[in-house]
Amino acid sequence: MIEKILASVAAFIISVISSMGYGGIVLLMAIESACIPLPSEVIMPFAGYLVFKGEMTLWGIALAGAIGCVLGSIPAYYVGMFGGRPLAEKYGKYVLISKHDLDMADRWFEKHGDIIIFIARLLPAVRTFIAFPAGVARMNMTKFIAYTFVGSLIWCWVLGYAGMKFGQHWEDLKVYFHEFHYVIIGIGVIFVVWYVRRHFKNEQRE
């Protein structure tokens, strides 16, 4: 059952990008960066596949993804700034952010300072909720946006490049897979299942 739901989410991502182009990438990456677990590991590789097909450019999708990350991170930042840790703990569970996740983000932020915003944007899962502690700490907004944009640009470029290279070798790989779309959906299902399992394990531990 859950696999069907997750496959539908991945299919939705593919549909949005196919119909809206760069704007769809901005929208989807904004949702992901607003602490909603919509996997960039599906969004950007599929966009990269469209680069291979000649429908987009690699730097174009990376830029769109980075802009979306900034737009989505700003609301999460302000939730942390005005609502503080209690609000994040109260409502974080509804978007699969556990107390363990918030504790980890707080520790990293306290230990490494502002630069952790840049580093976290290059890490799966963590990148989704790192804006909360930045807001709680009232990090300088200009630095927050700059670190978010640069880190996200690298992340989106790498994932997009991976999708593009996969597309280039599709003729060799299609013997093993029927449609590239289903491969992307499969990757998304694996990632989201891992993310959900990780969340509930953290909840049980707490």
C-alpha atoms as a PDB file:
ATOM      1  CA  MET A   1       0.000   0.000   0.000  1.00  0.00           C
ATOM      2  CA  ILE A   2       2.672   2.479   1.044  1.00  0.00           C
ATOM      3  CA  GLU A   3       4.698   1.650  -2.063  1.00  0.00           C
ATOM      4  CA  LYS A   4       1.720   2.603  -4.240  1.00  0.00           C
ATOM      5  CA  ILE A   5       1.332   5.912  -2.407  1.00  0.00           C
ATOM      6  CA  LEU A   6       5.019   6.706  -2.769  1.00  0.00           C
ATOM      7  CA  ALA A   7       4.988   5.712  -6.421  1.00  0.00           C
ATOM      8  CA  SER A   8       2.100   8.161  -6.886  1.00  0.00           C
ATOM      9  CA  VAL A   9       4.178  10.906  -5.247  1.00  0.00           C
ATOM     10  CA  ALA A  10       7.080  10.202  -7.610  1.00  0.00           C
ATOM     11  CA  ALA A  11       4.699  10.145 -10.583  1.00  0.00           C
ATOM     12  CA  PHE A  12       3.323  13.519  -9.412  1.00  0.00           C
ATOM     13  CA  ILE A  13       6.850  14.961  -9.371  1.00  0.00           C
ATOM     14  CA  ILE A  14       7.484  13.763 -12.909  1.00  0.00           C
ATOM     15  CA  SER A  15       4.139  15.155 -14.070  1.00  0.00           C
ATOM     16  CA  VAL A  16       4.792  18.603 -12.545  1.00  0.00           C
ATOM     17  CA  ILE A  17       8.223  18.952 -14.137  1.00  0.00           C
ATOM     18  CA  SER A  18       7.005  17.643 -17.484  1.00  0.00           C
ATOM     19  CA  SER A  19       4.149  20.156 -17.588  1.00  0.00           C
ATOM     20  CA  MET A  20       5.667  23.226 -15.878  1.00  0.00           C
ATOM     21  CA  GLY A  21       9.329  22.954 -16.851  1.00  0.00           C
ATOM     22  CA  TYR A  22      11.714  25.108 -14.835  1.00  0.00           C
ATOM     23  CA  GLY A  23       8.833  26.567 -12.843  1.00  0.00           C
ATOM     24  CA  GLY A  24       7.892  23.060 -11.754  1.00  0.00           C
ATOM     25  CA  ILE A  25      11.422  22.487 -10.454  1.00  0.00           C
ATOM     26  CA  VAL A  26      11.258  25.735  -8.472  1.00  0.00           C
ATOM     27  CA  LEU A  27       7.896  24.735  -7.007  1.00  0.00           C
ATOM     28  CA  LEU A  28       8.890  21.184  -6.071  1.00  0.00           C
ATOM     29  CA  MET A  29      12.241  22.152  -4.552  1.00  0.00           C
ATOM     30  CA  ALA A  30      10.513  24.908  -2.578  1.00  0.00           C
ATOM     31  CA  ILE A  31       8.136  22.319  -1.140  1.00  0.00           C
ATOM     32  CA  GLU A  32      11.061  20.046  -0.258  1.00  0.00           C
ATOM     33  CA  SER A  33      12.927  22.880   1.480  1.00  0.00           C
ATOM     34  CA  ALA A  34       9.827  23.899   3.431  1.00  0.00           C
ATOM     35  CA  CYS A  35      10.348  20.737   5.537  1.00  0.00           C
ATOM     36  CA  ILE A  36       7.969  18.594   3.479  1.00  0.00           C
ATOM     37  CA  PRO A  37       9.661  15.303   2.509  1.00  0.00           C
ATOM     38  CA  LEU A  38       9.323  15.558  -1.260  1.00  0.00           C
ATOM     39  CA  PRO A  39      12.613  13.955  -2.353  1.00  0.00           C
ATOM     40  CA  SER A  40      15.024  16.044  -4.373  1.00  0.00           C
ATOM     41  CA  GLU A  41      16.613  12.681  -5.202  1.00  0.00           C
ATOM     42  CA  VAL A  42      13.681  12.201  -7.591  1.00  0.00           C
ATOM     43  CA  ILE A  43      13.090  15.814  -8.623  1.00  0.00           C
ATOM     44  CA  MET A  44      16.554  16.673  -9.884  1.00  0.00           C
ATOM     45  CA  PRO A  45      17.554  13.390 -11.608  1.00  0.00           C
ATOM     46  CA  PHE A  46      14.360  13.483 -13.662  1.00  0.00           C
ATOM     47  CA  ALA A  47      15.118  17.099 -14.575  1.00  0.00           C
ATOM     48  CA  GLY A  48      18.588  15.869 -15.583  1.00  0.00           C
ATOM     49  CA  TYR A  49      16.979  13.297 -17.838  1.00  0.00           C
ATOM     50  CA  LEU A  50      15.139  16.147 -19.564  1.00  0.00           C
ATOM     51  CA  VAL A  51      18.532  17.838 -20.032  1.00  0.00           C
ATOM     52  CA  PHE A  52      19.682  14.700 -21.860  1.00  0.00           C
ATOM     53  CA  LYS A  53      16.584  14.895 -24.059  1.00  0.00           C
ATOM     54  CA  GLY A  54      17.428  18.509 -24.926  1.00  0.00           C
ATOM     55  CA  GLU A  55      14.370  19.995 -23.229  1.00  0.00           C
ATOM     56  CA  MET A  56      16.332  21.820 -20.500  1.00  0.00           C
ATOM     57  CA  THR A  57      19.897  22.860 -19.646  1.00  0.00           C
ATOM     58  CA  LEU A  58      21.955  21.546 -16.744  1.00  0.00           C
ATOM     59  CA  TRP A  59      22.711  24.951 -15.277  1.00  0.00           C
ATOM     60  CA  GLY A  60      19.118  25.976 -15.846  1.00  0.00           C
ATOM     61  CA  ILE A  61      17.718  23.135 -13.733  1.00  0.00           C
ATOM     62  CA  ALA A  62      20.402  23.630 -11.068  1.00  0.00           C
ATOM     63  CA  LEU A  63      19.559  27.325 -10.827  1.00  0.00           C
ATOM     64  CA  ALA A  64      15.819  26.611 -10.705  1.00  0.00           C
ATOM     65  CA  GLY A  65      16.381  24.040  -7.965  1.00  0.00           C
ATOM     66  CA  ALA A  66      18.535  26.419  -5.908  1.00  0.00           C
ATOM     67  CA  ILE A  67      15.975  29.220  -6.210  1.00  0.00           C
ATOM     68  CA  GLY A  68      13.252  26.836  -5.080  1.00  0.00           C
ATOM     69  CA  CYS A  69      15.349  25.774  -2.086  1.00  0.00           C
ATOM     70  CA  VAL A  70      15.799  29.390  -1.005  1.00  0.00           C
ATOM     71  CA  LEU A  71      12.090  30.174  -1.396  1.00  0.00           C
ATOM     72  CA  GLY A  72      11.068  27.118   0.595  1.00  0.00           C
ATOM     73  CA  SER A  73      13.665  27.616   3.321  1.00  0.00           C
ATOM     74  CA  ILE A  74      12.645  31.154   4.216  1.00  0.00           C
ATOM     75  CA  PRO A  75       9.237  30.172   5.733  1.00  0.00           C
ATOM     76  CA  ALA A  76      10.931  27.374   7.715  1.00  0.00           C
ATOM     77  CA  TYR A  77      13.512  29.887   8.943  1.00  0.00           C
ATOM     78  CA  TYR A  78      10.788  32.229  10.201  1.00  0.00           C
ATOM     79  CA  VAL A  79       8.945  29.366  11.888  1.00  0.00           C
ATOM     80  CA  GLY A  80      12.126  28.751  13.849  1.00  0.00           C
ATOM     81  CA  MET A  81      12.623  32.451  14.543  1.00  0.00           C
ATOM     82  CA  PHE A  82       9.110  33.252  15.793  1.00  0.00           C
ATOM     83  CA  GLY A  83       7.844  29.874  16.963  1.00  0.00           C
ATOM     84  CA  GLY A  84      11.081  28.534  18.375  1.00  0.00           C
ATOM     85  CA  ARG A  85      11.915  24.942  19.178  1.00  0.00           C
ATOM     86  CA  PRO A  86       8.532  24.157  20.872  1.00  0.00           C
ATOM     87  CA  LEU A  87       6.603  24.923  17.682  1.00  0.00           C
ATOM     88  CA  ALA A  88       9.008  22.855  15.577  1.00  0.00           C
ATOM     89  CA  GLU A  89       8.631  19.906  17.972  1.00  0.00           C
ATOM     90  CA  LYS A  90       4.851  20.220  18.072  1.00  0.00           C
ATOM     91  CA  TYR A  91       4.247  20.277  14.337  1.00  0.00           C
ATOM     92  CA  GLY A  92       7.429  18.717  12.961  1.00  0.00           C
ATOM     93  CA  LYS A  93       6.041  15.212  13.356  1.00  0.00           C
ATOM     94  CA  TYR A  94       3.363  15.975  10.767  1.00  0.00           C
ATOM     95  CA  VAL A  95       6.080  16.395   8.120  1.00  0.00           C
ATOM     96  CA  LEU A  96       8.205  13.503   9.478  1.00  0.00           C
ATOM     97  CA  ILE A  97      10.692  15.654  11.411  1.00  0.00           C
ATOM     98  CA  SER A  98      11.459  14.031  14.742  1.00  0.00           C
ATOM     99  CA  LYS A  99      12.897  15.470  17.948  1.00  0.00           C
ATOM    100  CA  HIS A 100      16.039  13.492  17.137  1.00  0.00           C
ATOM    101  CA  ASP A 101      16.363  15.370  13.836  1.00  0.00           C
ATOM    102  CA  LEU A 102      15.984  18.718  15.560  1.00  0.00           C
ATOM    103  CA  ASP A 103      18.483  17.775  18.279  1.00  0.00           C
ATOM    104  CA  MET A 104      21.011  16.764  15.636  1.00  0.00           C
ATOM    105  CA  ALA A 105      20.518  19.982  13.680  1.00  0.00           C
ATOM    106  CA  ASP A 106      20.900  22.042  16.875  1.00  0.00           C
ATOM    107  CA  ARG A 107      24.128  20.251  17.823  1.00  0.00           C
ATOM    108  CA  TRP A 108      25.599  20.727  14.366  1.00  0.00           C
ATOM    109  CA  PHE A 109      24.622  24.388  14.304  1.00  0.00           C
ATOM    110  CA  GLU A 110      26.093  25.047  17.748  1.00  0.00           C
ATOM    111  CA  LYS A 111      29.306  23.177  16.919  1.00  0.00           C
ATOM    112  CA  HIS A 112      30.010  24.489  13.415  1.00  0.00           C
ATOM    113  CA  GLY A 113      28.164  27.807  13.289  1.00  0.00           C
ATOM    114  CA  ASP A 114      26.648  29.397  10.199  1.00  0.00           C
ATOM    115  CA  ILE A 115      28.696  27.338   7.731  1.00  0.00           C
ATOM    116  CA  ILE A 116      26.645  24.249   8.668  1.00  0.00           C
ATOM    117  CA  ILE A 117      23.810  25.700   6.568  1.00  0.00           C
ATOM    118  CA  PHE A 118      26.006  25.324   3.483  1.00  0.00           C
ATOM    119  CA  ILE A 119      27.228  21.852   4.494  1.00  0.00           C
ATOM    120  CA  ALA A 120      23.741  20.574   5.363  1.00  0.00           C
ATOM    121  CA  ARG A 121      22.465  21.509   1.906  1.00  0.00           C
ATOM    122  CA  LEU A 122      24.783  18.831   0.540  1.00  0.00           C
ATOM    123  CA  LEU A 123      23.397  16.077   2.786  1.00  0.00           C
ATOM    124  CA  PRO A 124      20.276  13.929   2.250  1.00  0.00           C
ATOM    125  CA  ALA A 125      17.454  14.301   4.789  1.00  0.00           C
ATOM    126  CA  VAL A 126      19.307  16.861   6.942  1.00  0.00           C
ATOM    127  CA  ARG A 127      18.964  19.499   4.228  1.00  0.00           C
ATOM    128  CA  THR A 128      15.191  19.344   4.620  1.00  0.00           C
ATOM    129  CA  PHE A 129      15.015  20.679   8.185  1.00  0.00           C
ATOM    130  CA  ILE A 130      18.266  22.615   8.766  1.00  0.00           C
ATOM    131  CA  ALA A 131      16.466  25.957   8.336  1.00  0.00           C
ATOM    132  CA  PHE A 132      14.694  25.522  11.703  1.00  0.00           C
ATOM    133  CA  PRO A 133      17.770  25.928  13.951  1.00  0.00           C
ATOM    134  CA  ALA A 134      19.024  28.774  11.765  1.00  0.00           C
ATOM    135  CA  GLY A 135      15.806  30.616  12.499  1.00  0.00           C
ATOM    136  CA  VAL A 136      15.909  29.788  16.203  1.00  0.00           C
ATOM    137  CA  ALA A 137      19.482  31.154  16.332  1.00  0.00           C
ATOM    138  CA  ARG A 138      18.353  34.224  14.345  1.00  0.00           C
ATOM    139  CA  MET A 139      21.154  33.733  11.850  1.00  0.00           C
ATOM    140  CA  ASN A 140      21.810  36.712   9.608  1.00  0.00           C
ATOM    141  CA  MET A 141      19.287  36.413   6.775  1.00  0.00           C
ATOM    142  CA  THR A 142      21.695  37.466   4.017  1.00  0.00           C
ATOM    143  CA  LYS A 143      24.197  34.775   5.037  1.00  0.00           C
ATOM    144  CA  PHE A 144      21.395  32.236   5.424  1.00  0.00           C
ATOM    145  CA  ILE A 145      20.155  32.874   1.886  1.00  0.00           C
ATOM    146  CA  ALA A 146      23.690  32.887   0.433  1.00  0.00           C
ATOM    147  CA  TYR A 147      24.705  29.601   2.090  1.00  0.00           C
ATOM    148  CA  THR A 148      21.382  27.999   1.188  1.00  0.00           C
ATOM    149  CA  PHE A 149      21.633  29.080  -2.439  1.00  0.00           C
ATOM    150  CA  VAL A 150      25.249  28.009  -3.008  1.00  0.00           C
ATOM    151  CA  GLY A 151      24.890  24.655  -1.211  1.00  0.00           C
ATOM    152  CA  SER A 152      21.622  23.925  -2.992  1.00  0.00           C
ATOM    153  CA  LEU A 153      23.063  24.904  -6.373  1.00  0.00           C
ATOM    154  CA  ILE A 154      25.828  22.313  -5.966  1.00  0.00           C
ATOM    155  CA  TRP A 155      23.379  19.652  -4.738  1.00  0.00           C
ATOM    156  CA  CYS A 156      20.943  20.262  -7.597  1.00  0.00           C
ATOM    157  CA  TRP A 157      23.710  20.336 -10.204  1.00  0.00           C
ATOM    158  CA  VAL A 158      25.157  17.013  -9.033  1.00  0.00           C
ATOM    159  CA  LEU A 159      21.774  15.258  -8.990  1.00  0.00           C
ATOM    160  CA  GLY A 160      20.833  16.784 -12.322  1.00  0.00           C
ATOM    161  CA  TYR A 161      24.166  15.707 -13.821  1.00  0.00           C
ATOM    162  CA  ALA A 162      23.586  12.163 -12.539  1.00  0.00           C
ATOM    163  CA  GLY A 163      20.167  12.076 -14.233  1.00  0.00           C
ATOM    164  CA  MET A 164      21.659  13.441 -17.443  1.00  0.00           C
ATOM    165  CA  LYS A 165      24.458  10.844 -17.537  1.00  0.00           C
ATOM    166  CA  PHE A 166      21.986   8.074 -16.760  1.00  0.00           C
ATOM    167  CA  GLY A 167      19.917   9.255 -19.703  1.00  0.00           C
ATOM    168  CA  GLN A 168      22.951   9.163 -21.990  1.00  0.00           C
ATOM    169  CA  HIS A 169      23.413   5.481 -21.219  1.00  0.00           C
ATOM    170  CA  TRP A 170      19.721   4.664 -21.408  1.00  0.00           C
ATOM    171  CA  GLU A 171      20.087   2.714 -24.653  1.00  0.00           C
ATOM    172  CA  ASP A 172      22.506   0.346 -22.904  1.00  0.00           C
ATOM    173  CA  LEU A 173      20.368   0.031 -19.783  1.00  0.00           C
ATOM    174  CA  LYS A 174      16.892  -0.233 -21.262  1.00  0.00           C
ATOM    175  CA  VAL A 175      17.371  -3.989 -21.624  1.00  0.00           C
ATOM    176  CA  TYR A 176      17.014  -4.117 -17.835  1.00  0.00           C
ATOM    177  CA  PHE A 177      14.317  -1.466 -17.408  1.00  0.00           C
ATOM    178  CA  HIS A 178      11.194  -0.736 -19.436  1.00  0.00           C
ATOM    179  CA  GLU A 179      10.874   3.014 -18.893  1.00  0.00           C
ATOM    180  CA  PHE A 180      13.162   5.648 -17.380  1.00  0.00           C
ATOM    181  CA  HIS A 181      10.154   7.071 -15.541  1.00  0.00           C
ATOM    182  CA  TYR A 182       9.749   3.843 -13.596  1.00  0.00           C
ATOM    183  CA  VAL A 183      13.426   3.859 -12.629  1.00  0.00           C
ATOM    184  CA  ILE A 184      13.051   7.369 -11.203  1.00  0.00           C
ATOM    185  CA  ILE A 185       9.895   6.315  -9.375  1.00  0.00           C
ATOM    186  CA  GLY A 186      11.749   3.304  -7.967  1.00  0.00           C
ATOM    187  CA  ILE A 187      14.571   5.516  -6.677  1.00  0.00           C
ATOM    188  CA  GLY A 188      12.014   7.802  -5.067  1.00  0.00           C
ATOM    189  CA  VAL A 189      10.190   4.937  -3.415  1.00  0.00           C
ATOM    190  CA  ILE A 190      13.439   3.581  -1.964  1.00  0.00           C
ATOM    191  CA  PHE A 191      14.455   6.991  -0.621  1.00  0.00           C
ATOM    192  CA  VAL A 192      11.079   7.860   0.896  1.00  0.00           C
ATOM    193  CA  VAL A 193      10.692   4.403   2.482  1.00  0.00           C
ATOM    194  CA  TRP A 194      14.137   4.883   4.056  1.00  0.00           C
ATOM    195  CA  TYR A 195      13.183   8.372   5.252  1.00  0.00           C
ATOM    196  CA  VAL A 196       9.882   7.233   6.757  1.00  0.00           C
ATOM    197  CA  ARG A 197      11.470   4.198   8.461  1.00  0.00           C
ATOM    198  CA  ARG A 198      14.216   6.409   9.848  1.00  0.00           C
ATOM    199  CA  HIS A 199      11.628   8.844  11.226  1.00  0.00           C
ATOM    200  CA  PHE A 200       9.588   6.189  13.030  1.00  0.00           C
ATOM    201  CA  LYS A 201      12.716   4.558  14.442  1.00  0.00           C
ATOM    202  CA  ASN A 202      13.706   7.929  15.901  1.00  0.00           C
ATOM    203  CA  GLU A 203      10.195   8.389  17.280  1.00  0.00           C
ATOM    204  CA  GLN A 204      10.311   4.993  18.982  1.00  0.00           C
ATOM    205  CA  ARG A 205      13.763   5.730  20.392  1.00  0.00           C
ATOM    206  CA  GLU A 206      12.445   8.937  21.917  1.00  0.00           C
END
